[in-house]
Amino acid sequence: MKEELSEKKIAVLAGGLSSEREISLKSGMAVFNTLKAGGYDVWLIDADLEVALKLTSLEPDVVLTALHGGWGENGSIQGMLEVMGMAYTGSGVLASALAMDKVMCKYLFERAGLSVPPFEIVEFKGAQLSIAAMCGQKRLAVDFPWIIKPAQEGSSVGVSIVKGEADYVRALREAFIYGNQAIVEKFIKGKEIQIGIVNGRVLGGVEIRPSGEFYDYKSKYTSGMTDYILPPEVSLKTYDKIVEMSVKAYDCLGCKGAARVDTILSDDNEVYVLEVNTVPGMTETSLLPKIAEAAGVSFLELLEDMLTDAILRKNTQVMTAAI
């Protein structure tokens, strides 16, 4: 299949219009440079409002999505590619939309029997209401500290640790910049462990130890601010449980292609599923490439597996429609 892939025209979608644009551009350039060095016919496209026109003009055989956040990761771009009849990497429309909606994810994870941190949803009711008034909405029935995050953002954008009432007001202001829903959840102290899954196969896991209080935006994208432990320093029994829960999270959303499942192992050895990232980062500090490398899969091989899967799924879809 890799011989067939070598004959394909590949488009890499990066950039976009979300708050994660700069990270997406870094991911896109890393992917583009690696595929180019591997001898592939690859084109980098900045996914702006003219993205459909650019793709129509290029007529690629397969699209690799390296878009983070916004409509690049919430199913919108995936829907456009479906309508255009193009093969693309990663999850489809519904799984992408569900994974991006942290509120819906939590409900689905709970329905699947997965543990999630205790949480509440706070909604922005309108500009006429003050943040102080919104603080009177449902409150999390656990002690501080809490985590507050936007309901539909990635890369830890707008995420804050809340240690008291003053922090709560500040964190809500930050979260509501990115949407009208915020999640307030219990801060779980423990080991952050993330599992890489590609085409339904578990590649491995990584334990992340940020220098700060949690794995925030700065820790994710600043070299030297986080230690990466591969494999995670947990017992085999615990690791197997984390993998089992991660696969269940991947499956219950209907994910395809490459994804990264974020979990946390509490100090009392309870595993919590936090979220699923359906378009994992591909920068020099990103976790999925690190996990793949530890599993003996080079960055180029990882990309080839993602692209091959996209083409196979598209071919299957076409054959099924013809029956």
Protein backbone atom coordinates (compact mmCIF):
# COMPACT_ATOMS: atom_id res chain seq x y z
CA MET A 1 0.00 0.00 0.00
CA LYS A 2 2.91 2.37 0.63
CA GLU A 3 3.94 1.92 -3.02
CA GLU A 4 0.44 3.06 -3.99
CA LEU A 5 0.71 5.98 -1.57
CA SER A 6 3.87 7.16 -3.31
CA GLU A 7 1.78 7.85 -6.42
CA LYS A 8 -0.74 10.00 -4.57
CA LYS A 9 -0.96 13.76 -4.31
CA ILE A 10 -1.14 14.65 -0.61
CA ALA A 11 -2.57 17.88 0.82
CA VAL A 12 -1.70 18.90 4.38
CA LEU A 13 -4.27 21.24 5.95
CA ALA A 14 -2.83 23.52 8.63
CA GLY A 15 -3.30 26.96 10.14
CA GLY A 16 -6.99 27.69 10.14
CA LEU A 17 -8.76 30.41 12.10
CA SER A 18 -8.88 29.04 15.64
CA SER A 19 -6.96 30.14 18.72
CA GLU A 20 -4.60 27.22 18.00
CA ARG A 21 -3.57 28.50 14.56
CA GLU A 22 0.14 28.91 15.32
CA ILE A 23 0.44 25.41 16.77
CA SER A 24 -1.41 24.02 13.77
CA LEU A 25 1.06 25.74 11.43
CA LYS A 26 3.95 24.13 13.32
CA SER A 27 2.30 20.72 13.08
CA GLY A 28 1.61 21.25 9.38
CA MET A 29 5.18 22.27 8.61
CA ALA A 30 6.58 19.27 10.52
CA VAL A 31 4.29 16.93 8.57
CA PHE A 32 5.01 18.64 5.24
CA ASN A 33 8.78 18.59 5.70
CA THR A 34 8.79 14.93 6.76
CA LEU A 35 6.64 13.77 3.84
CA LYS A 36 8.64 15.91 1.40
CA ALA A 37 11.90 14.40 2.65
CA GLY A 38 10.28 10.97 2.24
CA GLY A 39 9.82 11.63 -1.47
CA TYR A 40 6.07 12.25 -1.48
CA ASP A 41 4.13 14.69 -3.65
CA VAL A 42 2.91 16.86 -0.80
CA TRP A 43 1.33 20.31 -0.66
CA LEU A 44 0.80 22.53 2.39
CA ILE A 45 -2.49 24.45 2.47
CA ASP A 46 -3.33 27.20 4.94
CA ALA A 47 -6.95 26.40 5.76
CA ASP A 48 -8.48 29.87 5.55
CA LEU A 49 -11.93 30.79 4.21
CA GLU A 50 -10.75 29.85 0.70
CA VAL A 51 -9.82 26.29 1.72
CA ALA A 52 -12.49 24.61 -0.44
CA LEU A 53 -11.36 26.57 -3.50
CA LYS A 54 -7.72 25.67 -2.82
CA LEU A 55 -8.53 21.98 -2.52
CA THR A 56 -10.67 22.04 -5.67
CA SER A 57 -7.78 23.60 -7.56
CA LEU A 58 -5.19 21.15 -6.21
CA GLU A 59 -7.34 17.99 -6.51
CA PRO A 60 -5.39 15.92 -3.95
CA ASP A 61 -5.85 12.16 -3.63
CA VAL A 62 -5.79 12.35 0.17
CA VAL A 63 -5.87 15.11 2.79
CA LEU A 64 -3.95 15.01 6.05
CA THR A 65 -5.61 17.28 8.59
CA ALA A 66 -3.24 19.05 10.98
CA LEU A 67 -5.81 21.59 12.14
CA HIS A 68 -6.19 22.13 15.87
CA GLY A 69 -9.29 23.65 17.45
CA GLY A 70 -12.23 25.46 15.89
CA TRP A 71 -13.89 24.17 12.74
CA GLY A 72 -10.73 22.28 11.80
CA GLU A 73 -11.28 19.81 14.61
CA ASN A 74 -14.99 19.97 15.41
CA GLY A 75 -16.28 18.10 12.36
CA SER A 76 -16.80 21.11 10.08
CA ILE A 77 -13.76 20.56 7.86
CA GLN A 78 -14.45 16.83 7.94
CA GLY A 79 -17.99 17.50 6.71
CA MET A 80 -16.66 19.67 3.89
CA LEU A 81 -14.22 16.94 2.84
CA GLU A 82 -17.06 14.39 2.90
CA VAL A 83 -19.16 16.58 0.60
CA MET A 84 -16.16 17.05 -1.70
CA GLY A 85 -15.62 13.29 -1.81
CA MET A 86 -12.03 13.47 -0.56
CA ALA A 87 -10.16 10.91 1.53
CA TYR A 88 -8.90 12.43 4.77
CA THR A 89 -7.07 11.34 7.89
CA GLY A 90 -8.57 11.05 11.35
CA SER A 91 -12.08 10.73 12.68
CA GLY A 92 -15.26 11.49 10.79
CA VAL A 93 -17.79 14.26 11.28
CA LEU A 94 -19.67 12.92 14.31
CA ALA A 95 -16.67 11.61 16.27
CA SER A 96 -14.78 14.87 15.65
CA ALA A 97 -17.72 16.96 16.84
CA LEU A 98 -18.25 14.81 19.92
CA ALA A 99 -14.58 14.79 20.91
CA MET A 100 -14.38 18.57 20.60
CA ASP A 101 -17.44 19.04 22.83
CA LYS A 102 -16.05 18.34 26.29
CA VAL A 103 -19.52 18.44 27.86
CA MET A 104 -20.94 15.77 25.55
CA CYS A 105 -17.73 13.73 25.97
CA LYS A 106 -18.18 13.57 29.72
CA TYR A 107 -21.77 12.38 29.42
CA LEU A 108 -20.80 9.72 26.88
CA PHE A 109 -17.83 8.57 28.94
CA GLU A 110 -20.05 8.20 32.00
CA ARG A 111 -22.60 6.27 29.93
CA ALA A 112 -19.79 3.94 28.81
CA GLY A 113 -18.85 3.26 32.43
CA LEU A 114 -15.68 5.35 32.41
CA SER A 115 -14.64 7.45 35.41
CA VAL A 116 -14.48 11.22 34.90
CA PRO A 117 -13.66 13.90 37.49
CA PRO A 118 -16.74 15.35 39.25
CA PHE A 119 -17.92 18.33 37.20
CA GLU A 120 -20.55 21.00 36.64
CA ILE A 121 -21.41 23.10 33.59
CA VAL A 122 -21.61 26.89 33.88
CA GLU A 123 -23.25 28.82 31.05
CA PHE A 124 -22.79 32.44 30.00
CA LYS A 125 -26.35 33.77 30.17
CA GLY A 126 -25.81 37.04 28.37
CA ALA A 127 -23.79 40.22 28.45
CA GLN A 128 -26.29 41.84 30.79
CA LEU A 129 -25.33 39.43 33.57
CA SER A 130 -22.19 39.98 35.56
CA ILE A 131 -19.70 37.22 36.26
CA ALA A 132 -20.63 37.58 39.92
CA ALA A 133 -24.25 36.76 39.05
CA MET A 134 -23.14 33.72 37.08
CA CYS A 135 -21.22 32.52 40.10
CA GLY A 136 -24.59 31.93 41.69
CA GLN A 137 -25.29 29.08 39.27
CA LYS A 138 -24.74 25.43 40.21
CA ARG A 139 -21.53 24.98 42.15
CA LEU A 140 -19.27 21.97 42.24
CA ALA A 141 -19.93 20.02 45.45
CA VAL A 142 -16.27 19.31 46.18
CA ASP A 143 -13.55 21.38 47.83
CA PHE A 144 -11.06 23.50 45.92
CA PRO A 145 -8.90 23.23 43.87
CA TRP A 146 -10.94 23.03 40.68
CA ILE A 147 -10.11 23.17 36.99
CA ILE A 148 -12.12 25.53 34.78
CA LYS A 149 -11.94 25.14 31.01
CA PRO A 150 -13.90 26.19 27.90
CA ALA A 151 -16.28 23.49 26.71
CA GLN A 152 -14.89 23.50 23.16
CA GLU A 153 -11.19 24.33 23.01
CA GLY A 154 -7.96 22.33 22.89
CA SER A 155 -4.27 22.75 23.74
CA SER A 156 -5.29 23.86 27.26
CA VAL A 157 -6.40 27.21 25.85
CA GLY A 158 -8.41 29.11 28.48
CA VAL A 159 -7.77 26.49 31.18
CA SER A 160 -7.17 27.62 34.78
CA ILE A 161 -6.64 26.10 38.21
CA VAL A 162 -9.06 27.55 40.76
CA LYS A 163 -7.99 27.64 44.40
CA GLY A 164 -10.61 30.01 45.79
CA GLU A 165 -13.46 32.42 45.05
CA ALA A 166 -11.25 35.11 43.51
CA ASP A 167 -9.68 32.54 41.18
CA TYR A 168 -13.15 31.32 40.22
CA VAL A 169 -14.26 34.70 38.88
CA ARG A 170 -11.00 35.22 36.98
CA ALA A 171 -11.10 31.70 35.49
CA LEU A 172 -14.70 32.09 34.31
CA ARG A 173 -13.80 35.34 32.57
CA GLU A 174 -10.95 33.55 30.80
CA ALA A 175 -13.04 30.52 29.80
CA PHE A 176 -15.94 32.59 28.47
CA ILE A 177 -13.62 34.30 25.98
CA TYR A 178 -13.78 31.04 24.03
CA GLY A 179 -17.49 30.23 24.22
CA ASN A 180 -20.64 30.40 26.30
CA GLN A 181 -20.07 27.19 28.24
CA ALA A 182 -17.40 26.41 30.80
CA ILE A 183 -16.67 23.17 32.62
CA VAL A 184 -15.85 23.30 36.31
CA GLU A 185 -14.30 20.03 37.47
CA LYS A 186 -12.41 18.69 40.44
CA PHE A 187 -8.64 19.02 40.10
CA ILE A 188 -7.28 15.48 40.34
CA LYS A 189 -3.79 15.29 41.75
CA GLY A 190 -1.82 12.45 40.22
CA LYS A 191 0.03 11.24 37.13
CA GLU A 192 -1.02 12.54 33.72
CA ILE A 193 -0.81 9.63 31.28
CA GLN A 194 -1.73 9.86 27.63
CA ILE A 195 -2.31 6.93 25.29
CA GLY A 196 -1.65 7.01 21.55
CA ILE A 197 -4.01 5.06 19.29
CA VAL A 198 -3.55 4.80 15.52
CA ASN A 199 -6.13 3.10 13.33
CA GLY A 200 -7.57 1.37 16.40
CA ARG A 201 -4.19 0.01 17.52
CA VAL A 202 -2.61 1.17 20.78
CA LEU A 203 0.94 2.38 20.13
CA GLY A 204 1.79 3.06 23.75
CA GLY A 205 1.61 5.70 26.43
CA VAL A 206 3.56 8.57 27.90
CA GLU A 207 3.58 10.03 31.40
CA ILE A 208 3.97 13.79 31.39
CA ARG A 209 5.53 15.72 34.25
CA PRO A 210 5.16 19.47 33.66
CA SER A 211 7.26 21.91 35.64
CA GLY A 212 4.13 23.88 36.50
CA GLU A 213 0.96 22.85 38.33
CA PHE A 214 -0.57 21.17 35.29
CA TYR A 215 0.06 20.49 31.60
CA ASP A 216 -0.92 23.95 30.34
CA TYR A 217 -0.34 25.63 26.97
CA LYS A 218 3.14 26.83 27.91
CA SER A 219 4.18 23.40 29.19
CA LYS A 220 2.90 21.76 26.00
CA TYR A 221 4.72 23.94 23.53
CA THR A 222 7.84 25.20 25.29
CA SER A 223 10.83 22.89 25.02
CA GLY A 224 12.30 21.87 28.39
CA MET A 225 9.21 22.70 30.48
CA THR A 226 7.94 19.12 30.65
CA ASP A 227 9.54 15.73 31.27
CA TYR A 228 8.22 12.82 29.22
CA ILE A 229 8.41 9.33 30.71
CA LEU A 230 8.12 6.50 28.19
CA PRO A 231 6.72 4.08 29.12
CA PRO A 232 4.79 5.53 32.08
CA GLU A 233 6.12 4.59 35.50
CA VAL A 234 3.11 2.60 36.67
CA SER A 235 2.52 -1.09 37.32
CA LEU A 236 1.63 -3.31 34.36
CA LYS A 237 -1.80 -3.95 35.86
CA THR A 238 -2.48 -0.22 36.16
CA TYR A 239 -1.15 0.46 32.66
CA ASP A 240 -3.42 -2.23 31.21
CA LYS A 241 -6.39 -0.60 32.95
CA ILE A 242 -5.47 2.81 31.51
CA VAL A 243 -5.16 1.30 28.03
CA GLU A 244 -8.50 -0.50 28.37
CA MET A 245 -10.27 2.70 29.39
CA SER A 246 -8.56 4.69 26.64
CA VAL A 247 -9.64 2.24 23.94
CA LYS A 248 -13.19 2.33 25.32
CA ALA A 249 -13.16 6.15 25.15
CA TYR A 250 -11.85 6.04 21.55
CA ASP A 251 -14.50 3.50 20.55
CA CYS A 252 -17.46 5.08 22.33
CA LEU A 253 -16.95 8.30 20.36
CA GLY A 254 -16.53 6.36 17.11
CA CYS A 255 -12.99 7.61 16.49
CA LYS A 256 -10.90 6.57 13.48
CA GLY A 257 -7.28 7.05 12.48
CA ALA A 258 -4.89 8.66 14.95
CA ALA A 259 -6.03 9.94 18.32
CA ARG A 260 -4.61 10.62 21.77
CA VAL A 261 -6.56 9.83 24.92
CA ASP A 262 -5.74 11.94 27.98
CA THR A 263 -6.11 10.32 31.39
CA ILE A 264 -4.99 10.96 34.93
CA LEU A 265 -4.08 8.39 37.55
CA SER A 266 -4.98 9.80 40.95
CA ASP A 267 -2.81 9.37 44.03
CA ASP A 268 -5.30 6.74 45.25
CA ASN A 269 -4.83 4.78 41.98
CA GLU A 270 -8.15 5.71 40.33
CA VAL A 271 -8.03 6.20 36.54
CA TYR A 272 -9.99 9.14 35.13
CA VAL A 273 -10.53 9.79 31.42
CA LEU A 274 -10.22 13.49 30.63
CA GLU A 275 -10.70 13.78 26.86
CA VAL A 276 -9.87 12.42 23.40
CA ASN A 277 -7.87 14.48 20.91
CA THR A 278 -8.83 13.47 17.37
CA VAL A 279 -6.16 15.62 15.70
CA PRO A 280 -3.08 15.11 17.88
CA GLY A 281 -0.26 17.63 17.68
CA MET A 282 2.62 16.90 15.33
CA THR A 283 5.18 19.44 16.56
CA GLU A 284 8.63 18.63 17.95
CA THR A 285 7.18 18.57 21.48
CA SER A 286 3.98 16.67 20.59
CA LEU A 287 3.10 13.45 22.35
CA LEU A 288 1.87 11.10 19.63
CA PRO A 289 5.15 11.23 17.67
CA LYS A 290 7.04 10.58 20.94
CA ILE A 291 4.82 7.58 21.70
CA ALA A 292 5.27 6.25 18.16
CA GLU A 293 9.04 6.63 18.29
CA ALA A 294 9.18 4.71 21.58
CA ALA A 295 7.17 1.96 19.87
CA GLY A 296 9.69 1.78 17.02
CA VAL A 297 7.52 3.74 14.57
CA SER A 298 9.26 6.68 12.91
CA PHE A 299 7.46 9.97 12.29
CA LEU A 300 7.36 9.20 8.55
CA GLU A 301 5.94 5.73 9.19
CA LEU A 302 3.29 7.22 11.49
CA LEU A 303 2.19 9.62 8.76
CA GLU A 304 2.20 6.85 6.16
CA ASP A 305 -0.04 4.71 8.39
CA MET A 306 -2.47 7.61 8.84
CA LEU A 307 -2.62 8.34 5.10
CA THR A 308 -2.91 4.69 4.11
CA ASP A 309 -5.83 4.24 6.51
CA ALA A 310 -7.57 7.29 5.07
CA ILE A 311 -7.30 5.93 1.53
CA LEU A 312 -8.45 2.44 2.54
CA ARG A 313 -11.48 3.84 4.38
CA LYS A 314 -12.40 5.99 1.37
CA ASN A 315 -12.03 3.03 -1.03
CA THR A 316 -14.20 0.91 1.26
CA GLN A 317 -16.81 3.66 1.39
CA VAL A 318 -16.88 3.89 -2.40
CA MET A 319 -17.17 0.11 -2.83
CA THR A 320 -19.95 -0.09 -0.25
CA ALA A 321 -21.90 2.67 -1.99
CA ALA A 322 -21.58 0.81 -5.30
CA ILE A 323 -23.14 -2.39 -3.94
